Amino acid sequence: MVRELYSNREELGFMSMESFFGLRTTVMIQYWRSTEDLLAYAKGSNHLKAWKNFNQKVGDNPAVGIYHETYVVKQGNYESVYGNMPQYGLAQAMPRIPINPEKRSARKRLTSSTK
């Protein structure tokens, strides 16, 4: 499914994602253009087929858990600051705005009308 998302980004409304693999936890964070795009993909045949396959394999096995969290963040109501880093996380999905002397503090950036 990840390959499908990246191959059809514009059509699906998928913007970017990050994956983390730990000893007991796997996390996937995705960025979507809109809630409607996310829900359309979730109800699409490829996702439903994969979800059915996952549930058949896992069933009620208590060793495997899954949860979803979905947040709708309005434009201009978030901030991500990256120092000495490559594009990562939200910076891969959204346009970046460099910090200049006029916007050196978080208060100035978050209250600016030119976010």
C-alpha atoms as a PDB file:
ATOM      1  CA  MET A   1       0.000   0.000   0.000  1.00  0.00           C
ATOM      2  CA  VAL A   2       2.872   2.382   0.695  1.00  0.00           C
ATOM      3  CA  ARG A   3       4.127   1.905  -2.861  1.00  0.00           C
ATOM      4  CA  GLU A   4       0.614   2.617  -4.149  1.00  0.00           C
ATOM      5  CA  LEU A   5       0.371   5.804  -2.073  1.00  0.00           C
ATOM      6  CA  TYR A   6       3.665   7.216  -3.346  1.00  0.00           C
ATOM      7  CA  SER A   7       2.948   6.185  -6.943  1.00  0.00           C
ATOM      8  CA  ASN A   8      -0.450   7.914  -6.946  1.00  0.00           C
ATOM      9  CA  ARG A   9       0.098  10.813  -4.564  1.00  0.00           C
ATOM     10  CA  GLU A  10      -1.731  13.560  -6.443  1.00  0.00           C
ATOM     11  CA  GLU A  11      -4.679  11.377  -7.456  1.00  0.00           C
ATOM     12  CA  LEU A  12      -5.154   9.986  -3.919  1.00  0.00           C
ATOM     13  CA  GLY A  13      -4.421  13.178  -1.975  1.00  0.00           C
ATOM     14  CA  PHE A  14      -1.567  11.506  -0.106  1.00  0.00           C
ATOM     15  CA  MET A  15       1.199  13.961   0.777  1.00  0.00           C
ATOM     16  CA  SER A  16       3.897  12.142   2.759  1.00  0.00           C
ATOM     17  CA  MET A  17       4.597   9.689   5.570  1.00  0.00           C
ATOM     18  CA  GLU A  18       7.129   8.637   8.182  1.00  0.00           C
ATOM     19  CA  SER A  19       7.646   5.136   9.581  1.00  0.00           C
ATOM     20  CA  PHE A  20       9.292   4.100  12.823  1.00  0.00           C
ATOM     21  CA  PHE A  21      10.214   0.529  13.686  1.00  0.00           C
ATOM     22  CA  GLY A  22      11.051  -0.310  17.274  1.00  0.00           C
ATOM     23  CA  LEU A  23      11.473  -3.440  19.337  1.00  0.00           C
ATOM     24  CA  ARG A  24       7.759  -3.799  20.106  1.00  0.00           C
ATOM     25  CA  THR A  25       6.176  -0.960  18.160  1.00  0.00           C
ATOM     26  CA  THR A  26       5.722   0.077  14.561  1.00  0.00           C
ATOM     27  CA  VAL A  27       4.373   3.565  13.878  1.00  0.00           C
ATOM     28  CA  MET A  28       3.299   5.081  10.580  1.00  0.00           C
ATOM     29  CA  ILE A  29       2.421   8.770  10.399  1.00  0.00           C
ATOM     30  CA  GLN A  30       0.729   9.931   7.209  1.00  0.00           C
ATOM     31  CA  TYR A  31      -0.100  13.381   5.884  1.00  0.00           C
ATOM     32  CA  TRP A  32      -3.137  13.776   3.623  1.00  0.00           C
ATOM     33  CA  ARG A  33      -4.455  16.720   1.624  1.00  0.00           C
ATOM     34  CA  SER A  34      -7.899  16.387   3.211  1.00  0.00           C
ATOM     35  CA  THR A  35     -10.068  14.208   5.424  1.00  0.00           C
ATOM     36  CA  GLU A  36     -12.156  13.394   2.352  1.00  0.00           C
ATOM     37  CA  ASP A  37      -9.087  12.035   0.519  1.00  0.00           C
ATOM     38  CA  LEU A  38      -8.100   9.907   3.521  1.00  0.00           C
ATOM     39  CA  LEU A  39     -11.601   8.471   3.913  1.00  0.00           C
ATOM     40  CA  ALA A  40     -11.912   7.781   0.174  1.00  0.00           C
ATOM     41  CA  TYR A  41      -8.656   5.825   0.256  1.00  0.00           C
ATOM     42  CA  ALA A  42      -9.706   3.957   3.401  1.00  0.00           C
ATOM     43  CA  LYS A  43     -12.906   2.822   1.661  1.00  0.00           C
ATOM     44  CA  GLY A  44     -11.131   1.976  -1.605  1.00  0.00           C
ATOM     45  CA  SER A  45     -10.739  -1.605  -2.778  1.00  0.00           C
ATOM     46  CA  ASN A  46      -6.948  -1.866  -2.264  1.00  0.00           C
ATOM     47  CA  HIS A  47      -7.078  -0.686   1.341  1.00  0.00           C
ATOM     48  CA  LEU A  48     -10.139  -2.792   2.184  1.00  0.00           C
ATOM     49  CA  LYS A  49      -8.482  -5.879   0.673  1.00  0.00           C
ATOM     50  CA  ALA A  50      -5.313  -5.293   2.742  1.00  0.00           C
ATOM     51  CA  TRP A  51      -7.368  -4.596   5.897  1.00  0.00           C
ATOM     52  CA  LYS A  52      -9.357  -7.829   5.401  1.00  0.00           C
ATOM     53  CA  ASN A  53      -6.127  -9.792   4.862  1.00  0.00           C
ATOM     54  CA  PHE A  54      -4.591  -8.264   8.010  1.00  0.00           C
ATOM     55  CA  ASN A  55      -7.654  -9.129  10.102  1.00  0.00           C
ATOM     56  CA  GLN A  56      -7.736 -12.699   8.792  1.00  0.00           C
ATOM     57  CA  LYS A  57      -4.082 -13.212   9.740  1.00  0.00           C
ATOM     58  CA  VAL A  58      -4.198 -11.439  13.092  1.00  0.00           C
ATOM     59  CA  GLY A  59      -7.741 -12.204  14.192  1.00  0.00           C
ATOM     60  CA  ASP A  60      -8.114 -11.784  17.955  1.00  0.00           C
ATOM     61  CA  ASN A  61      -4.424 -12.343  18.687  1.00  0.00           C
ATOM     62  CA  PRO A  62      -3.738 -10.177  21.767  1.00  0.00           C
ATOM     63  CA  ALA A  63      -0.060  -9.895  20.771  1.00  0.00           C
ATOM     64  CA  VAL A  64      -0.989  -7.548  17.910  1.00  0.00           C
ATOM     65  CA  GLY A  65      -2.711  -4.221  18.489  1.00  0.00           C
ATOM     66  CA  ILE A  66      -3.616  -1.388  16.183  1.00  0.00           C
ATOM     67  CA  TYR A  67      -4.973   2.114  16.640  1.00  0.00           C
ATOM     68  CA  HIS A  68      -5.744   5.085  14.426  1.00  0.00           C
ATOM     69  CA  GLU A  69      -5.657   8.738  15.348  1.00  0.00           C
ATOM     70  CA  THR A  70      -6.839  11.342  12.873  1.00  0.00           C
ATOM     71  CA  TYR A  71      -6.352  15.062  13.370  1.00  0.00           C
ATOM     72  CA  VAL A  72      -7.658  17.887  11.238  1.00  0.00           C
ATOM     73  CA  VAL A  73      -5.348  20.891  11.526  1.00  0.00           C
ATOM     74  CA  LYS A  74      -6.433  24.083   9.838  1.00  0.00           C
ATOM     75  CA  GLN A  75      -3.903  25.972   7.761  1.00  0.00           C
ATOM     76  CA  GLY A  76      -1.893  28.401   9.843  1.00  0.00           C
ATOM     77  CA  ASN A  77      -2.600  26.567  13.116  1.00  0.00           C
ATOM     78  CA  TYR A  78       0.579  24.553  13.357  1.00  0.00           C
ATOM     79  CA  GLU A  79       4.301  25.017  13.524  1.00  0.00           C
ATOM     80  CA  SER A  80       7.150  22.613  12.892  1.00  0.00           C
ATOM     81  CA  VAL A  81      10.690  23.855  13.483  1.00  0.00           C
ATOM     82  CA  TYR A  82      13.663  21.983  12.044  1.00  0.00           C
ATOM     83  CA  GLY A  83      17.235  22.921  12.862  1.00  0.00           C
ATOM     84  CA  ASN A  84      20.113  21.401  10.908  1.00  0.00           C
ATOM     85  CA  MET A  85      17.889  18.619   9.565  1.00  0.00           C
ATOM     86  CA  PRO A  86      16.857  17.348   6.155  1.00  0.00           C
ATOM     87  CA  GLN A  87      13.222  17.601   5.149  1.00  0.00           C
ATOM     88  CA  TYR A  88      11.347  15.345   7.540  1.00  0.00           C
ATOM     89  CA  GLY A  89       7.803  14.836   8.788  1.00  0.00           C
ATOM     90  CA  LEU A  90       5.456  17.689   8.045  1.00  0.00           C
ATOM     91  CA  ALA A  91       8.228  19.552   6.196  1.00  0.00           C
ATOM     92  CA  GLN A  92       8.024  16.898   3.451  1.00  0.00           C
ATOM     93  CA  ALA A  93       4.297  17.382   3.052  1.00  0.00           C
ATOM     94  CA  MET A  94       3.945  21.159   3.296  1.00  0.00           C
ATOM     95  CA  PRO A  95       5.830  24.169   1.928  1.00  0.00           C
ATOM     96  CA  ARG A  96       8.657  25.339   4.164  1.00  0.00           C
ATOM     97  CA  ILE A  97       9.088  28.931   5.280  1.00  0.00           C
ATOM     98  CA  PRO A  98      12.609  29.831   6.413  1.00  0.00           C
ATOM     99  CA  ILE A  99      12.955  31.596   9.741  1.00  0.00           C
ATOM    100  CA  ASN A 100      14.296  35.104   9.254  1.00  0.00           C
ATOM    101  CA  PRO A 101      15.315  37.713  11.846  1.00  0.00           C
ATOM    102  CA  GLU A 102      11.781  39.151  11.931  1.00  0.00           C
ATOM    103  CA  LYS A 103      10.365  35.737  12.819  1.00  0.00           C
ATOM    104  CA  ARG A 104      13.077  34.431  15.126  1.00  0.00           C
ATOM    105  CA  SER A 105      10.701  33.800  18.066  1.00  0.00           C
ATOM    106  CA  ALA A 106       7.777  31.361  18.146  1.00  0.00           C
ATOM    107  CA  ARG A 107       5.441  34.177  19.245  1.00  0.00           C
ATOM    108  CA  LYS A 108       6.320  36.217  16.140  1.00  0.00           C
ATOM    109  CA  ARG A 109       5.920  33.213  13.820  1.00  0.00           C
ATOM    110  CA  LEU A 110       2.627  32.024  15.277  1.00  0.00           C
ATOM    111  CA  THR A 111       0.996  35.468  15.353  1.00  0.00           C
ATOM    112  CA  SER A 112       2.227  36.569  11.927  1.00  0.00           C
ATOM    113  CA  SER A 113      -0.377  37.147   9.245  1.00  0.00           C
ATOM    114  CA  THR A 114       2.036  35.826   6.578  1.00  0.00           C
ATOM    115  CA  LYS A 115       2.486  32.315   7.977  1.00  0.00           C
END
